[in-house]
């Protein structure tokens, strides 16, 4: 006789719990994304360049050494293309 909690070898109660947790977290993620969007809109309303702010946030997430390495390579490429600003 099959266990009522199993369907084809899948524990339906445990599966349901995982799915419901994921759904709650997805809803929280949407709420947080909306909050972040609101902060950027507020910053824009106060005269800040949101595109640059997003870049700053991205750079702050990076490891310092990795960021320096990428900046050096970018500088090298810009120089090779004649796009480097004169100091």
Protein backbone atom coordinates (compact mmCIF):
# COMPACT_ATOMS: atom_id res chain seq x y z
CA UNK A 1 0.00 0.00 0.00
CA UNK A 2 1.30 3.47 -0.91
CA UNK A 3 1.92 6.08 1.75
CA UNK A 4 -0.57 8.96 1.28
CA UNK A 5 2.22 11.52 1.66
CA UNK A 6 4.09 10.05 -1.29
CA UNK A 7 3.19 10.33 -4.93
CA UNK A 8 5.50 8.41 -7.24
CA UNK A 9 8.25 8.47 -4.63
CA UNK A 10 7.92 12.21 -3.95
CA UNK A 11 7.01 13.35 -0.47
CA UNK A 12 4.23 15.81 -1.23
CA UNK A 13 4.31 17.50 2.20
CA UNK A 14 8.02 18.24 2.00
CA UNK A 15 7.73 19.34 -1.63
CA UNK A 16 4.83 21.66 -0.75
CA UNK A 17 6.86 23.17 2.12
CA UNK A 18 9.80 23.89 -0.19
CA UNK A 19 7.58 25.41 -2.87
CA UNK A 20 5.77 27.61 -0.34
CA UNK A 21 9.08 28.82 1.15
CA UNK A 22 10.34 29.68 -2.33
CA UNK A 23 7.11 31.55 -3.09
CA UNK A 24 7.41 33.59 0.12
CA UNK A 25 11.03 34.42 -0.65
CA UNK A 26 10.17 35.41 -4.22
CA UNK A 27 7.52 37.79 -2.85
CA UNK A 28 10.07 39.27 -0.41
CA UNK A 29 12.52 39.65 -3.31
CA UNK A 30 9.89 41.59 -5.32
CA UNK A 31 9.19 43.82 -2.32
CA UNK A 32 12.89 44.52 -1.81
CA UNK A 33 13.36 45.22 -5.54
CA UNK A 34 10.50 47.72 -5.37
CA UNK A 35 12.09 49.36 -2.31
CA UNK A 36 15.43 49.66 -4.13
CA UNK A 37 13.67 51.19 -7.14
CA UNK A 38 12.03 53.73 -4.82
CA UNK A 39 15.42 54.69 -3.32
CA UNK A 40 16.89 55.23 -6.78
CA UNK A 41 13.87 57.34 -7.73
CA UNK A 42 14.32 59.42 -4.58
CA UNK A 43 18.02 59.87 -5.33
CA UNK A 44 17.19 60.93 -8.90
CA UNK A 45 14.67 63.42 -7.53
CA UNK A 46 17.49 64.88 -5.44
CA UNK A 47 19.69 65.39 -8.50
CA UNK A 48 21.86 62.26 -8.41
CA UNK A 49 22.75 60.35 -11.57
CA UNK A 50 21.14 56.96 -11.01
CA UNK A 51 23.16 55.23 -13.74
CA UNK A 52 26.38 56.25 -12.01
CA UNK A 53 24.98 55.29 -8.61
CA UNK A 54 24.22 51.80 -9.91
CA UNK A 55 27.81 51.55 -11.15
CA UNK A 56 29.10 52.67 -7.73
CA UNK A 57 26.98 50.05 -5.98
CA UNK A 58 28.28 47.41 -8.39
CA UNK A 59 31.90 48.47 -7.84
CA UNK A 60 31.49 48.42 -4.06
CA UNK A 61 30.34 44.79 -4.27
CA UNK A 62 33.55 43.75 -6.03
CA UNK A 63 36.69 42.58 -4.32
CA UNK A 64 39.15 45.50 -4.16
CA UNK A 65 41.96 43.61 -5.93
CA UNK A 66 39.64 42.36 -8.66
CA UNK A 67 38.31 45.87 -9.19
CA UNK A 68 41.82 47.33 -9.42
CA UNK A 69 42.81 44.66 -11.94
CA UNK A 70 39.75 45.40 -14.09
CA UNK A 71 40.43 49.15 -13.90
CA UNK A 72 44.04 48.61 -15.01
CA UNK A 73 42.92 46.51 -17.97
CA UNK A 74 40.26 49.08 -18.87
CA UNK A 75 42.88 51.84 -18.71
CA UNK A 76 45.19 49.79 -20.93
CA UNK A 77 42.44 49.19 -23.50
CA UNK A 78 41.38 52.84 -23.51
CA UNK A 79 44.98 53.93 -24.01
CA UNK A 80 45.42 51.45 -26.87
CA UNK A 81 42.36 52.94 -28.56
CA UNK A 82 43.49 56.52 -28.02
CA UNK A 83 40.59 57.15 -25.66
CA UNK A 84 42.60 57.80 -22.51
CA UNK A 85 42.05 61.26 -21.03
CA UNK A 86 45.16 63.42 -20.99
CA UNK A 87 46.33 64.04 -17.44
